[in-house]
Amino acid sequence: QSQLVESGGGLVQPGGSLRLSCTGPQFTVVYSNIAWFRQAPGKEREAVSCISSGFGNTRYVDSAQGRFSVSRDNTKDTVYLQMNGLKPEDTGVYYCAGLRTGITSTCELTPEGYTSWGQGTEVTVDS
C-alpha cells in the first residue's frame, strides 16, 4: 500500500548535500512513525533512519550517524532526511515508510511492520 511520496533526490558530488522529503495524505505522517530505507543497485534494501510520531525521537544506522538528520514538520505533514557529506556508497533509491501508531516515543529500523511505502527517489553520488 503506497500512500507516501518521496522527493528531493538527484545527482550530487561526493561531499555534497541533499534533503529528501516524505509526504502523505493529511494527518498520515503526523500520527505515524516514519523510516527511511535505501536500496543500492544489486543490494538488499537497508535501513537508514527513523523518527517516531509525537515525541519525534530519532534513530540512525551507523553509516548515517553524524551525517544524516531526520526531522518532521507536522504542520506540513512532512518528514525530511537531510543528508550531508554524501559518499558514493550512499547511492541508491531512498524510500520512506510509515506505520500509523498514534503518539509514540520509539521507532524501528526494520522494514517489517511498516504498512505504507513510497515509490522511492533516486540519489546518485558521483563526481
PDB file of N, CA and C in Angstrom:
ATOM      1  N   GLN A   1       0.860  -1.193   0.000  1.00  0.00           N
ATOM      2  CA  GLN A   1       0.000   0.000   0.000  1.00  0.00           C
ATOM      3  C   GLN A   1       0.890   1.234   0.000  1.00  0.00           C
ATOM      4  N   SER A   2       0.776   2.034  -1.043  1.00  0.00           N
ATOM      5  CA  SER A   2       1.638   3.189  -1.198  1.00  0.00           C
ATOM      6  C   SER A   2       0.816   4.440  -0.998  1.00  0.00           C
ATOM      7  N   GLN A   3       1.077   5.132   0.108  1.00  0.00           N
ATOM      8  CA  GLN A   3       0.381   6.386   0.355  1.00  0.00           C
ATOM      9  C   GLN A   3       1.346   7.527   0.560  1.00  0.00           C
ATOM     10  N   LEU A   4       2.615   7.224   0.574  1.00  0.00           N
ATOM     11  CA  LEU A   4       3.631   8.223   0.828  1.00  0.00           C
ATOM     12  C   LEU A   4       4.348   8.592  -0.468  1.00  0.00           C
ATOM     13  N   VAL A   5       4.853   9.814  -0.511  1.00  0.00           N
ATOM     14  CA  VAL A   5       5.538  10.299  -1.702  1.00  0.00           C
ATOM     15  C   VAL A   5       6.862  10.918  -1.286  1.00  0.00           C
ATOM     16  N   GLU A   6       7.939  10.412  -1.871  1.00  0.00           N
ATOM     17  CA  GLU A   6       9.258  10.981  -1.618  1.00  0.00           C
ATOM     18  C   GLU A   6       9.628  11.964  -2.719  1.00  0.00           C
ATOM     19  N   SER A   7      10.484  12.908  -2.363  1.00  0.00           N
ATOM     20  CA  SER A   7      11.032  13.836  -3.352  1.00  0.00           C
ATOM     21  C   SER A   7      12.373  14.330  -2.846  1.00  0.00           C
ATOM     22  N   GLY A   8      13.125  14.976  -3.741  1.00  0.00           N
ATOM     23  CA  GLY A   8      14.377  15.589  -3.347  1.00  0.00           C
ATOM     24  C   GLY A   8      15.631  14.877  -3.797  1.00  0.00           C
ATOM     25  N   GLY A   9      15.474  13.724  -4.424  1.00  0.00           N
ATOM     26  CA  GLY A   9      16.648  13.014  -4.896  1.00  0.00           C
ATOM     27  C   GLY A   9      17.293  13.711  -6.076  1.00  0.00           C
ATOM     28  N   GLY A  10      18.471  13.217  -6.450  1.00  0.00           N
ATOM     29  CA  GLY A  10      19.170  13.804  -7.579  1.00  0.00           C
ATOM     30  C   GLY A  10      20.609  13.366  -7.624  1.00  0.00           C
ATOM     31  N   LEU A  11      21.359  14.022  -8.481  1.00  0.00           N
ATOM     32  CA  LEU A  11      22.784  13.756  -8.649  1.00  0.00           C
ATOM     33  C   LEU A  11      23.575  14.803  -7.865  1.00  0.00           C
ATOM     34  N   VAL A  12      24.503  14.332  -7.063  1.00  0.00           N
ATOM     35  CA  VAL A  12      25.305  15.235  -6.255  1.00  0.00           C
ATOM     36  C   VAL A  12      26.734  14.721  -6.207  1.00  0.00           C
ATOM     37  N   GLN A  13      27.670  15.617  -6.082  1.00  0.00           N
ATOM     38  CA  GLN A  13      29.073  15.227  -5.983  1.00  0.00           C
ATOM     39  C   GLN A  13      29.394  14.737  -4.574  1.00  0.00           C
ATOM     40  N   PRO A  14      30.400  13.909  -4.445  1.00  0.00           N
ATOM     41  CA  PRO A  14      30.821  13.475  -3.101  1.00  0.00           C
ATOM     42  C   PRO A  14      31.091  14.684  -2.213  1.00  0.00           C
ATOM     43  N   GLY A  15      30.618  14.578  -0.975  1.00  0.00           N
ATOM     44  CA  GLY A  15      30.743  15.698  -0.051  1.00  0.00           C
ATOM     45  C   GLY A  15      29.561  16.642  -0.076  1.00  0.00           C
ATOM     46  N   GLY A  16      28.698  16.492  -1.045  1.00  0.00           N
ATOM     47  CA  GLY A  16      27.549  17.369  -1.185  1.00  0.00           C
ATOM     48  C   GLY A  16      26.399  16.990  -0.269  1.00  0.00           C
ATOM     49  N   SER A  17      25.303  17.718  -0.423  1.00  0.00           N
ATOM     50  CA  SER A  17      24.146  17.536   0.447  1.00  0.00           C
ATOM     51  C   SER A  17      22.871  17.437  -0.372  1.00  0.00           C
ATOM     52  N   LEU A  18      21.910  16.726   0.178  1.00  0.00           N
ATOM     53  CA  LEU A  18      20.567  16.664  -0.365  1.00  0.00           C
ATOM     54  C   LEU A  18      19.594  16.617   0.799  1.00  0.00           C
ATOM     55  N   ARG A  19      18.393  17.121   0.562  1.00  0.00           N
ATOM     56  CA  ARG A  19      17.335  16.980   1.544  1.00  0.00           C
ATOM     57  C   ARG A  19      16.153  16.269   0.890  1.00  0.00           C
ATOM     58  N   LEU A  20      15.849  15.107   1.413  1.00  0.00           N
ATOM     59  CA  LEU A  20      14.708  14.339   0.926  1.00  0.00           C
ATOM     60  C   LEU A  20      13.472  14.675   1.757  1.00  0.00           C
ATOM     61  N   SER A  21      12.327  14.609   1.098  1.00  0.00           N
ATOM     62  CA  SER A  21      11.055  14.859   1.771  1.00  0.00           C
ATOM     63  C   SER A  21      10.129  13.672   1.602  1.00  0.00           C
ATOM     64  N   CYS A  22       9.307  13.469   2.596  1.00  0.00           N
ATOM     65  CA  CYS A  22       8.308  12.387   2.571  1.00  0.00           C
ATOM     66  C   CYS A  22       6.985  12.980   3.029  1.00  0.00           C
ATOM     67  N   THR A  23       6.001  12.960   2.157  1.00  0.00           N
ATOM     68  CA  THR A  23       4.690  13.496   2.498  1.00  0.00           C
ATOM     69  C   THR A  23       3.620  12.445   2.264  1.00  0.00           C
ATOM     70  N   GLY A  24       2.440  12.708   2.814  1.00  0.00           N
ATOM     71  CA  GLY A  24       1.338  11.782   2.647  1.00  0.00           C
ATOM     72  C   GLY A  24       0.014  12.495   2.800  1.00  0.00           C
ATOM     73  N   PRO A  25      -1.069  11.729   2.767  1.00  0.00           N
ATOM     74  CA  PRO A  25      -2.385  12.333   2.955  1.00  0.00           C
ATOM     75  C   PRO A  25      -2.444  13.045   4.306  1.00  0.00           C
ATOM     76  N   GLN A  26      -3.331  13.990   4.411  1.00  0.00           N
ATOM     77  CA  GLN A  26      -3.440  14.797   5.618  1.00  0.00           C
ATOM     78  C   GLN A  26      -3.514  13.929   6.869  1.00  0.00           C
ATOM     79  N   PHE A  27      -2.707  14.262   7.853  1.00  0.00           N
ATOM     80  CA  PHE A  27      -2.633  13.612   9.166  1.00  0.00           C
ATOM     81  C   PHE A  27      -2.017  12.220   9.110  1.00  0.00           C
ATOM     82  N   THR A  28      -1.602  11.746   7.941  1.00  0.00           N
ATOM     83  CA  THR A  28      -0.989  10.422   7.876  1.00  0.00           C
ATOM     84  C   THR A  28       0.392  10.449   8.506  1.00  0.00           C
ATOM     85  N   VAL A  29       1.225  11.379   8.078  1.00  0.00           N
ATOM     86  CA  VAL A  29       2.589  11.444   8.586  1.00  0.00           C
ATOM     87  C   VAL A  29       2.609  11.873  10.037  1.00  0.00           C
ATOM     88  N   VAL A  30       1.713  12.763  10.418  1.00  0.00           N
ATOM     89  CA  VAL A  30       1.701  13.298  11.781  1.00  0.00           C
ATOM     90  C   VAL A  30       1.583  12.183  12.807  1.00  0.00           C
ATOM     91  N   TYR A  31       0.725  11.218  12.543  1.00  0.00           N
ATOM     92  CA  TYR A  31       0.456  10.165  13.521  1.00  0.00           C
ATOM     93  C   TYR A  31       1.154   8.860  13.180  1.00  0.00           C
ATOM     94  N   SER A  32       2.244   8.950  12.420  1.00  0.00           N
ATOM     95  CA  SER A  32       2.957   7.749  12.012  1.00  0.00           C
ATOM     96  C   SER A  32       4.428   7.811  12.368  1.00  0.00           C
ATOM     97  N   ASN A  33       4.964   6.663  12.743  1.00  0.00           N
ATOM     98  CA  ASN A  33       6.422   6.529  12.726  1.00  0.00           C
ATOM     99  C   ASN A  33       6.837   6.495  11.259  1.00  0.00           C
ATOM    100  N   ILE A  34       7.888   7.217  10.923  1.00  0.00           N
ATOM    101  CA  ILE A  34       8.386   7.250   9.549  1.00  0.00           C
ATOM    102  C   ILE A  34       9.843   6.789   9.537  1.00  0.00           C
ATOM    103  N   ALA A  35      10.140   5.898   8.624  1.00  0.00           N
ATOM    104  CA  ALA A  35      11.508   5.415   8.473  1.00  0.00           C
ATOM    105  C   ALA A  35      11.982   5.650   7.042  1.00  0.00           C
ATOM    106  N   TRP A  36      13.277   5.800   6.912  1.00  0.00           N
ATOM    107  CA  TRP A  36      13.914   5.904   5.596  1.00  0.00           C
ATOM    108  C   TRP A  36      14.738   4.643   5.372  1.00  0.00           C
ATOM    109  N   PHE A  37      14.555   4.074   4.198  1.00  0.00           N
ATOM    110  CA  PHE A  37      15.334   2.925   3.757  1.00  0.00           C
ATOM    111  C   PHE A  37      15.966   3.270   2.418  1.00  0.00           C
ATOM    112  N   ARG A  38      16.976   2.550   2.059  1.00  0.00           N
ATOM    113  CA  ARG A  38      17.571   2.752   0.738  1.00  0.00           C
ATOM    114  C   ARG A  38      17.971   1.414   0.151  1.00  0.00           C
ATOM    115  N   GLN A  39      18.026   1.396  -1.173  1.00  0.00           N
ATOM    116  CA  GLN A  39      18.435   0.184  -1.867  1.00  0.00           C
ATOM    117  C   GLN A  39      19.415   0.559  -2.971  1.00  0.00           C
ATOM    118  N   ALA A  40      20.627   0.089  -2.803  1.00  0.00           N
ATOM    119  CA  ALA A  40      21.654   0.321  -3.808  1.00  0.00           C
ATOM    120  C   ALA A  40      21.517  -0.720  -4.914  1.00  0.00           C
ATOM    121  N   PRO A  41      21.998  -0.403  -6.107  1.00  0.00           N
ATOM    122  CA  PRO A  41      21.914  -1.363  -7.212  1.00  0.00           C
ATOM    123  C   PRO A  41      22.540  -2.709  -6.838  1.00  0.00           C
ATOM    124  N   GLY A  42      21.782  -3.769  -7.014  1.00  0.00           N
ATOM    125  CA  GLY A  42      22.284  -5.101  -6.741  1.00  0.00           C
ATOM    126  C   GLY A  42      22.362  -5.477  -5.281  1.00  0.00           C
ATOM    127  N   LYS A  43      21.843  -4.627  -4.416  1.00  0.00           N
ATOM    128  CA  LYS A  43      21.907  -4.911  -2.984  1.00  0.00           C
ATOM    129  C   LYS A  43      20.509  -4.933  -2.383  1.00  0.00           C
ATOM    130  N   GLU A  44      20.424  -5.457  -1.179  1.00  0.00           N
ATOM    131  CA  GLU A  44      19.156  -5.503  -0.484  1.00  0.00           C
ATOM    132  C   GLU A  44      18.824  -4.133   0.119  1.00  0.00           C
ATOM    133  N   ARG A  45      17.548  -3.943   0.357  1.00  0.00           N
ATOM    134  CA  ARG A  45      17.102  -2.714   0.992  1.00  0.00           C
ATOM    135  C   ARG A  45      17.639  -2.668   2.417  1.00  0.00           C
ATOM    136  N   GLU A  46      18.102  -1.502   2.837  1.00  0.00           N
ATOM    137  CA  GLU A  46      18.634  -1.355   4.177  1.00  0.00           C
ATOM    138  C   GLU A  46      18.068  -0.103   4.834  1.00  0.00           C
ATOM    139  N   ALA A  47      18.028  -0.143   6.145  1.00  0.00           N
ATOM    140  CA  ALA A  47      17.508   0.995   6.896  1.00  0.00           C
ATOM    141  C   ALA A  47      18.531   2.115   6.939  1.00  0.00           C
ATOM    142  N   VAL A  48      18.028   3.327   7.067  1.00  0.00           N
ATOM    143  CA  VAL A  48      18.882   4.497   7.196  1.00  0.00           C
ATOM    144  C   VAL A  48      18.589   5.229   8.512  1.00  0.00           C
ATOM    145  N   SER A  49      17.327   5.523   8.731  1.00  0.00           N
ATOM    146  CA  SER A  49      16.953   6.319   9.898  1.00  0.00           C
ATOM    147  C   SER A  49      15.454   6.201  10.116  1.00  0.00           C
ATOM    148  N   CYS A  50      15.014   6.583  11.310  1.00  0.00           N
ATOM    149  CA  CYS A  50      13.577   6.659  11.561  1.00  0.00           C
ATOM    150  C   CYS A  50      13.302   7.741  12.597  1.00  0.00           C
ATOM    151  N   ILE A  51      12.033   8.164  12.617  1.00  0.00           N
ATOM    152  CA  ILE A  51      11.605   9.175  13.577  1.00  0.00           C
ATOM    153  C   ILE A  51      10.233   8.780  14.086  1.00  0.00           C
ATOM    154  N   SER A  52      10.064   8.875  15.385  1.00  0.00           N
ATOM    155  CA  SER A  52       8.795   8.470  15.969  1.00  0.00           C
ATOM    156  C   SER A  52       7.768   9.583  15.833  1.00  0.00           C
ATOM    157  N   SER A  53       6.516   9.197  15.831  1.00  0.00           N
ATOM    158  CA  SER A  53       5.464  10.193  15.866  1.00  0.00           C
ATOM    159  C   SER A  53       5.454  10.840  17.249  1.00  0.00           C
ATOM    160  N   GLY A  54       4.763  11.941  17.369  1.00  0.00           N
ATOM    161  CA  GLY A  54       4.620  12.562  18.678  1.00  0.00           C
ATOM    162  C   GLY A  54       5.925  13.136  19.213  1.00  0.00           C
ATOM    163  N   PHE A  55       6.720  12.307  19.891  1.00  0.00           N
ATOM    164  CA  PHE A  55       7.944  12.782  20.538  1.00  0.00           C
ATOM    165  C   PHE A  55       9.050  13.111  19.536  1.00  0.00           C
ATOM    166  N   GLY A  56       8.973  12.564  18.349  1.00  0.00           N
ATOM    167  CA  GLY A  56       9.987  12.850  17.349  1.00  0.00           C
ATOM    168  C   GLY A  56      11.355  12.294  17.684  1.00  0.00           C
ATOM    169  N   ASN A  57      11.395  11.199  18.435  1.00  0.00           N
ATOM    170  CA  ASN A  57      12.684  10.575  18.731  1.00  0.00           C
ATOM    171  C   ASN A  57      13.237   9.928  17.469  1.00  0.00           C
ATOM    172  N   THR A  58      14.556   9.974  17.338  1.00  0.00           N
ATOM    173  CA  THR A  58      15.185   9.520  16.098  1.00  0.00           C
ATOM    174  C   THR A  58      16.177   8.387  16.339  1.00  0.00           C
ATOM    175  N   ARG A  59      16.420   7.629  15.309  1.00  0.00           N
ATOM    176  CA  ARG A  59      17.417   6.560  15.312  1.00  0.00           C
ATOM    177  C   ARG A  59      18.123   6.576  13.968  1.00  0.00           C
ATOM    178  N   TYR A  60      19.393   6.177  13.974  1.00  0.00           N
ATOM    179  CA  TYR A  60      20.192   6.143  12.761  1.00  0.00           C
ATOM    180  C   TYR A  60      21.022   4.864  12.732  1.00  0.00           C
ATOM    181  N   VAL A  61      21.278   4.374  11.527  1.00  0.00           N
ATOM    182  CA  VAL A  61      22.252   3.303  11.394  1.00  0.00           C
ATOM    183  C   VAL A  61      23.634   3.934  11.482  1.00  0.00           C
ATOM    184  N   ASP A  62      24.626   3.111  11.747  1.00  0.00           N
ATOM    185  CA  ASP A  62      25.977   3.635  11.972  1.00  0.00           C
ATOM    186  C   ASP A  62      26.483   4.459  10.787  1.00  0.00           C
ATOM    187  N   SER A  63      26.195   4.034   9.577  1.00  0.00           N
ATOM    188  CA  SER A  63      26.720   4.723   8.397  1.00  0.00           C
ATOM    189  C   SER A  63      26.097   6.105   8.205  1.00  0.00           C
ATOM    190  N   ALA A  64      24.947   6.348   8.817  1.00  0.00           N
ATOM    191  CA  ALA A  64      24.262   7.633   8.679  1.00  0.00           C
ATOM    192  C   ALA A  64      24.510   8.552   9.874  1.00  0.00           C
ATOM    193  N   GLN A  65      24.906   7.968  10.981  1.00  0.00           N
ATOM    194  CA  GLN A  65      25.097   8.757  12.200  1.00  0.00           C
ATOM    195  C   GLN A  65      26.127   9.858  11.973  1.00  0.00           C
ATOM    196  N   GLY A  66      25.743  11.075  12.355  1.00  0.00           N
ATOM    197  CA  GLY A  66      26.657  12.203  12.227  1.00  0.00           C
ATOM    198  C   GLY A  66      26.626  12.893  10.877  1.00  0.00           C
ATOM    199  N   ARG A  67      26.061  12.252   9.875  1.00  0.00           N
ATOM    200  CA  ARG A  67      25.980  12.866   8.544  1.00  0.00           C
ATOM    201  C   ARG A  67      24.540  13.173   8.149  1.00  0.00           C
ATOM    202  N   PHE A  68      23.621  12.323   8.551  1.00  0.00           N
ATOM    203  CA  PHE A  68      22.221  12.480   8.177  1.00  0.00           C
ATOM    204  C   PHE A  68      21.423  12.948   9.381  1.00  0.00           C
ATOM    205  N   SER A  69      20.350  13.663   9.099  1.00  0.00           N
ATOM    206  CA  SER A  69      19.473  14.140  10.160  1.00  0.00           C
ATOM    207  C   SER A  69      18.023  14.030   9.697  1.00  0.00           C
ATOM    208  N   VAL A  70      17.221  13.325  10.484  1.00  0.00           N
ATOM    209  CA  VAL A  70      15.802  13.169  10.147  1.00  0.00           C
ATOM    210  C   VAL A  70      14.988  14.081  11.052  1.00  0.00           C
ATOM    211  N   SER A  71      13.978  14.709  10.482  1.00  0.00           N
ATOM    212  CA  SER A  71      13.140  15.628  11.244  1.00  0.00           C
ATOM    213  C   SER A  71      11.733  15.610  10.670  1.00  0.00           C
ATOM    214  N   ARG A  72      10.804  16.160  11.411  1.00  0.00           N
ATOM    215  CA  ARG A  72       9.430  16.211  10.928  1.00  0.00           C
ATOM    216  C   ARG A  72       8.862  17.610  11.127  1.00  0.00           C
ATOM    217  N   ASP A  73       8.011  18.005  10.192  1.00  0.00           N
ATOM    218  CA  ASP A  73       7.248  19.242  10.314  1.00  0.00           C
ATOM    219  C   ASP A  73       5.783  18.852  10.264  1.00  0.00           C
ATOM    220  N   ASN A  74       5.195  18.751  11.424  1.00  0.00           N
ATOM    221  CA  ASN A  74       3.816  18.272  11.490  1.00  0.00           C
ATOM    222  C   ASN A  74       2.829  19.257  10.874  1.00  0.00           C
ATOM    223  N   THR A  75       3.207  20.525  10.793  1.00  0.00           N
ATOM    224  CA  THR A  75       2.302  21.500  10.171  1.00  0.00           C
ATOM    225  C   THR A  75       2.207  21.260   8.663  1.00  0.00           C
ATOM    226  N   LYS A  76       3.198  20.590   8.116  1.00  0.00           N
ATOM    227  CA  LYS A  76       3.213  20.283   6.692  1.00  0.00           C
ATOM    228  C   LYS A  76       3.045  18.794   6.419  1.00  0.00           C
ATOM    229  N   ASP A  77       2.845  18.022   7.476  1.00  0.00           N
ATOM    230  CA  ASP A  77       2.692  16.577   7.308  1.00  0.00           C
ATOM    231  C   ASP A  77       3.852  15.994   6.515  1.00  0.00           C
ATOM    232  N   THR A  78       5.046  16.414   6.859  1.00  0.00           N
ATOM    233  CA  THR A  78       6.233  16.048   6.086  1.00  0.00           C
ATOM    234  C   THR A  78       7.369  15.645   7.008  1.00  0.00           C
ATOM    235  N   VAL A  79       8.098  14.636   6.585  1.00  0.00           N
ATOM    236  CA  VAL A  79       9.339  14.230   7.247  1.00  0.00           C
ATOM    237  C   VAL A  79      10.484  14.471   6.278  1.00  0.00           C
ATOM    238  N   TYR A  80      11.585  14.969   6.811  1.00  0.00           N
ATOM    239  CA  TYR A  80      12.751  15.277   5.998  1.00  0.00           C
ATOM    240  C   TYR A  80      13.926  14.391   6.380  1.00  0.00           C
ATOM    241  N   LEU A  81      14.763  14.106   5.415  1.00  0.00           N
ATOM    242  CA  LEU A  81      16.041  13.462   5.661  1.00  0.00           C
ATOM    243  C   LEU A  81      17.111  14.365   5.058  1.00  0.00           C
ATOM    244  N   GLN A  82      17.812  15.081   5.935  1.00  0.00           N
ATOM    245  CA  GLN A  82      18.910  15.927   5.495  1.00  0.00           C
ATOM    246  C   GLN A  82      20.168  15.080   5.437  1.00  0.00           C
ATOM    247  N   MET A  83      20.777  15.025   4.270  1.00  0.00           N
ATOM    248  CA  MET A  83      21.965  14.197   4.072  1.00  0.00           C
ATOM    249  C   MET A  83      23.138  15.095   3.708  1.00  0.00           C
ATOM    250  N   ASN A  84      24.129  15.101   4.567  1.00  0.00           N
ATOM    251  CA  ASN A  84      25.342  15.886   4.352  1.00  0.00           C
ATOM    252  C   ASN A  84      26.536  14.958   4.202  1.00  0.00           C
ATOM    253  N   GLY A  85      27.593  15.472   3.634  1.00  0.00           N
ATOM    254  CA  GLY A  85      28.794  14.665   3.480  1.00  0.00           C
ATOM    255  C   GLY A  85      28.544  13.391   2.701  1.00  0.00           C
ATOM    256  N   LEU A  86      27.791  13.503   1.628  1.00  0.00           N
ATOM    257  CA  LEU A  86      27.406  12.307   0.882  1.00  0.00           C
ATOM    258  C   LEU A  86      28.602  11.612   0.260  1.00  0.00           C
ATOM    259  N   LYS A  87      28.518  10.293   0.234  1.00  0.00           N
ATOM    260  CA  LYS A  87      29.573   9.445  -0.297  1.00  0.00           C
ATOM    261  C   LYS A  87      29.011   8.605  -1.445  1.00  0.00           C
ATOM    262  N   PRO A  88      29.868   8.118  -2.336  1.00  0.00           N
ATOM    263  CA  PRO A  88      29.364   7.262  -3.422  1.00  0.00           C
ATOM    264  C   PRO A  88      28.572   6.065  -2.909  1.00  0.00           C
ATOM    265  N   GLU A  89      28.928   5.545  -1.764  1.00  0.00           N
ATOM    266  CA  GLU A  89      28.201   4.398  -1.220  1.00  0.00           C
ATOM    267  C   GLU A  89      26.815   4.743  -0.707  1.00  0.00           C
ATOM    268  N   ASP A  90      26.475   6.028  -0.688  1.00  0.00           N
ATOM    269  CA  ASP A  90      25.115   6.440  -0.336  1.00  0.00           C
ATOM    270  C   ASP A  90      24.177   6.380  -1.547  1.00  0.00           C
ATOM    271  N   THR A  91      24.712   6.089  -2.694  1.00  0.00           N
ATOM    272  CA  THR A  91      23.904   5.997  -3.908  1.00  0.00           C
ATOM    273  C   THR A  91      22.855   4.901  -3.793  1.00  0.00           C
ATOM    274  N   GLY A  92      21.643   5.208  -4.247  1.00  0.00           N
ATOM    275  CA  GLY A  92      20.573   4.222  -4.236  1.00  0.00           C
ATOM    276  C   GLY A  92      19.216   4.895  -4.339  1.00  0.00           C
ATOM    277  N   VAL A  93      18.203   4.082  -4.297  1.00  0.00           N
ATOM    278  CA  VAL A  93      16.831   4.591  -4.247  1.00  0.00           C
ATOM    279  C   VAL A  93      16.413   4.664  -2.780  1.00  0.00           C
ATOM    280  N   TYR A  94      15.958   5.815  -2.385  1.00  0.00           N
ATOM    281  CA  TYR A  94      15.562   6.057  -0.997  1.00  0.00           C
ATOM    282  C   TYR A  94      14.045   6.011  -0.887  1.00  0.00           C
ATOM    283  N   TYR A  95      13.589   5.232   0.073  1.00  0.00           N
ATOM    284  CA  TYR A  95      12.166   5.057   0.307  1.00  0.00           C
ATOM    285  C   TYR A  95      11.806   5.530   1.715  1.00  0.00           C
ATOM    286  N   CYS A  96      10.646   6.150   1.833  1.00  0.00           N
ATOM    287  CA  CYS A  96      10.130   6.371   3.174  1.00  0.00           C
ATOM    288  C   CYS A  96       8.989   5.385   3.415  1.00  0.00           C
ATOM    289  N   ALA A  97       8.857   5.004   4.656  1.00  0.00           N
ATOM    290  CA  ALA A  97       7.839   4.032   5.045  1.00  0.00           C
ATOM    291  C   ALA A  97       7.168   4.520   6.320  1.00  0.00           C
ATOM    292  N   GLY A  98       5.887   4.237   6.445  1.00  0.00           N
ATOM    293  CA  GLY A  98       5.136   4.725   7.583  1.00  0.00           C
ATOM    294  C   GLY A  98       4.355   3.650   8.289  1.00  0.00           C
ATOM    295  N   LEU A  99       4.223   3.831   9.588  1.00  0.00           N
ATOM    296  CA  LEU A  99       3.370   2.960  10.388  1.00  0.00           C
ATOM    297  C   LEU A  99       2.549   3.865  11.296  1.00  0.00           C
ATOM    298  N   ARG A 100       1.245   3.837  11.077  1.00  0.00           N
ATOM    299  CA  ARG A 100       0.372   4.698  11.871  1.00  0.00           C
ATOM    300  C   ARG A 100       0.297   4.148  13.290  1.00  0.00           C
ATOM    301  N   THR A 101       0.760   4.942  14.244  1.00  0.00           N
ATOM    302  CA  THR A 101       0.888   4.448  15.612  1.00  0.00           C
ATOM    303  C   THR A 101       0.234   5.345  16.643  1.00  0.00           C
ATOM    304  N   GLY A 102      -0.204   6.542  16.246  1.00  0.00           N
ATOM    305  CA  GLY A 102      -0.590   7.497  17.266  1.00  0.00           C
ATOM    306  C   GLY A 102       0.663   8.127  17.844  1.00  0.00           C
ATOM    307  N   ILE A 103       0.643   8.451  19.118  1.00  0.00           N
ATOM    308  CA  ILE A 103       1.773   9.124  19.750  1.00  0.00           C
ATOM    309  C   ILE A 103       2.687   8.073  20.369  1.00  0.00           C
ATOM    310  N   THR A 104       3.923   7.984  19.875  1.00  0.00           N
ATOM    311  CA  THR A 104       4.876   7.005  20.397  1.00  0.00           C
ATOM    312  C   THR A 104       6.220   7.674  20.615  1.00  0.00           C
ATOM    313  N   SER A 105       7.090   6.962  21.320  1.00  0.00           N
ATOM    314  CA  SER A 105       8.415   7.505  21.617  1.00  0.00           C
ATOM    315  C   SER A 105       9.527   6.704  20.955  1.00  0.00           C
ATOM    316  N   THR A 106       9.169   5.628  20.261  1.00  0.00           N
ATOM    317  CA  THR A 106      10.200   4.804  19.636  1.00  0.00           C
ATOM    318  C   THR A 106       9.827   4.499  18.197  1.00  0.00           C
ATOM    319  N   CYS A 107      10.816   4.162  17.389  1.00  0.00           N
ATOM    320  CA  CYS A 107      10.581   3.722  16.016  1.00  0.00           C
ATOM    321  C   CYS A 107      11.541   2.583  15.715  1.00  0.00           C
ATOM    322  N   GLU A 108      11.235   1.841  14.694  1.00  0.00           N
ATOM    323  CA  GLU A 108      12.007   0.664  14.354  1.00  0.00           C
ATOM    324  C   GLU A 108      12.779   0.872  13.054  1.00  0.00           C
ATOM    325  N   LEU A 109      13.938   0.226  12.967  1.00  0.00           N
ATOM    326  CA  LEU A 109      14.772   0.323  11.773  1.00  0.00           C
ATOM    327  C   LEU A 109      14.715  -0.950  10.936  1.00  0.00           C
ATOM    328  N   THR A 110      13.656  -1.708  11.105  1.00  0.00           N
ATOM    329  CA  THR A 110      13.433  -2.883  10.275  1.00  0.00           C
ATOM    330  C   THR A 110      12.186  -2.651   9.433  1.00  0.00           C
ATOM    331  N   PRO A 111      12.176  -3.159   8.191  1.00  0.00           N
ATOM    332  CA  PRO A 111      11.039  -2.881   7.304  1.00  0.00           C
ATOM    333  C   PRO A 111       9.739  -3.559   7.724  1.00  0.00           C
ATOM    334  N   GLU A 112       9.861  -4.650   8.470  1.00  0.00           N
ATOM    335  CA  GLU A 112       8.663  -5.362   8.879  1.00  0.00           C
ATOM    336  C   GLU A 112       7.796  -4.450   9.749  1.00  0.00           C
ATOM    337  N   GLY A 113       6.537  -4.434   9.465  1.00  0.00           N
ATOM    338  CA  GLY A 113       5.618  -3.639  10.275  1.00  0.00           C
ATOM    339  C   GLY A 113       5.217  -2.331   9.626  1.00  0.00           C
ATOM    340  N   TYR A 114       6.072  -1.795   8.785  1.00  0.00           N
ATOM    341  CA  TYR A 114       5.695  -0.557   8.092  1.00  0.00           C
ATOM    342  C   TYR A 114       4.685  -0.910   7.013  1.00  0.00           C
ATOM    343  N   THR A 115       3.587  -0.203   7.024  1.00  0.00           N
ATOM    344  CA  THR A 115       2.473  -0.564   6.150  1.00  0.00           C
ATOM    345  C   THR A 115       2.313   0.334   4.941  1.00  0.00           C
ATOM    346  N   SER A 116       2.899   1.503   4.972  1.00  0.00           N
ATOM    347  CA  SER A 116       2.803   2.428   3.847  1.00  0.00           C
ATOM    348  C   SER A 116       4.199   2.707   3.322  1.00  0.00           C
ATOM    349  N   TRP A 117       4.332   2.648   2.014  1.00  0.00           N
ATOM    350  CA  TRP A 117       5.629   2.878   1.389  1.00  0.00           C
ATOM    351  C   TRP A 117       5.467   3.849   0.230  1.00  0.00           C
ATOM    352  N   GLY A 118       6.511   4.621   0.002  1.00  0.00           N
ATOM    353  CA  GLY A 118       6.531   5.458  -1.178  1.00  0.00           C
ATOM    354  C   GLY A 118       7.153   4.720  -2.349  1.00  0.00           C
ATOM    355  N   GLN A 119       7.197   5.373  -3.477  1.00  0.00           N
ATOM    356  CA  GLN A 119       7.754   4.787  -4.690  1.00  0.00           C
ATOM    357  C   GLN A 119       9.260   4.967  -4.782  1.00  0.00           C
ATOM    358  N   GLY A 120       9.807   5.810  -3.940  1.00  0.00           N
ATOM    359  CA  GLY A 120      11.250   5.986  -3.919  1.00  0.00           C
ATOM    360  C   GLY A 120      11.718   7.205  -4.693  1.00  0.00           C
ATOM    361  N   THR A 121      12.852   7.731  -4.285  1.00  0.00           N
ATOM    362  CA  THR A 121      13.504   8.827  -5.003  1.00  0.00           C
ATOM    363  C   THR A 121      14.980   8.465  -5.124  1.00  0.00           C
ATOM    364  N   GLU A 122      15.523   8.669  -6.295  1.00  0.00           N
ATOM    365  CA  GLU A 122      16.869   8.181  -6.582  1.00  0.00           C
ATOM    366  C   GLU A 122      17.921   9.208  -6.205  1.00  0.00           C
ATOM    367  N   VAL A 123      18.929   8.717  -5.513  1.00  0.00           N
ATOM    368  CA  VAL A 123      20.073   9.541  -5.113  1.00  0.00           C
ATOM    369  C   VAL A 123      21.322   8.954  -5.749  1.00  0.00           C
ATOM    370  N   THR A 124      22.056   9.787  -6.456  1.00  0.00           N
ATOM    371  CA  THR A 124      23.309   9.359  -7.066  1.00  0.00           C
ATOM    372  C   THR A 124      24.415  10.281  -6.607  1.00  0.00           C
ATOM    373  N   VAL A 125      25.435   9.686  -6.010  1.00  0.00           N
ATOM    374  CA  VAL A 125      26.590  10.451  -5.539  1.00  0.00           C
ATOM    375  C   VAL A 125      27.771  10.064  -6.421  1.00  0.00           C
ATOM    376  N   ASP A 126      28.173  10.996  -7.251  1.00  0.00           N
ATOM    377  CA  ASP A 126      29.202  10.683  -8.248  1.00  0.00           C
ATOM    378  C   ASP A 126      29.881  11.970  -8.671  1.00  0.00           C
ATOM    379  N   SER A 127      31.162  11.873  -8.915  1.00  0.00           N
ATOM    380  CA  SER A 127      31.896  13.042  -9.395  1.00  0.00           C
ATOM    381  C   SER A 127      31.887  13.089 -10.920  1.00  0.00           C
TER     382      SER A 127
END
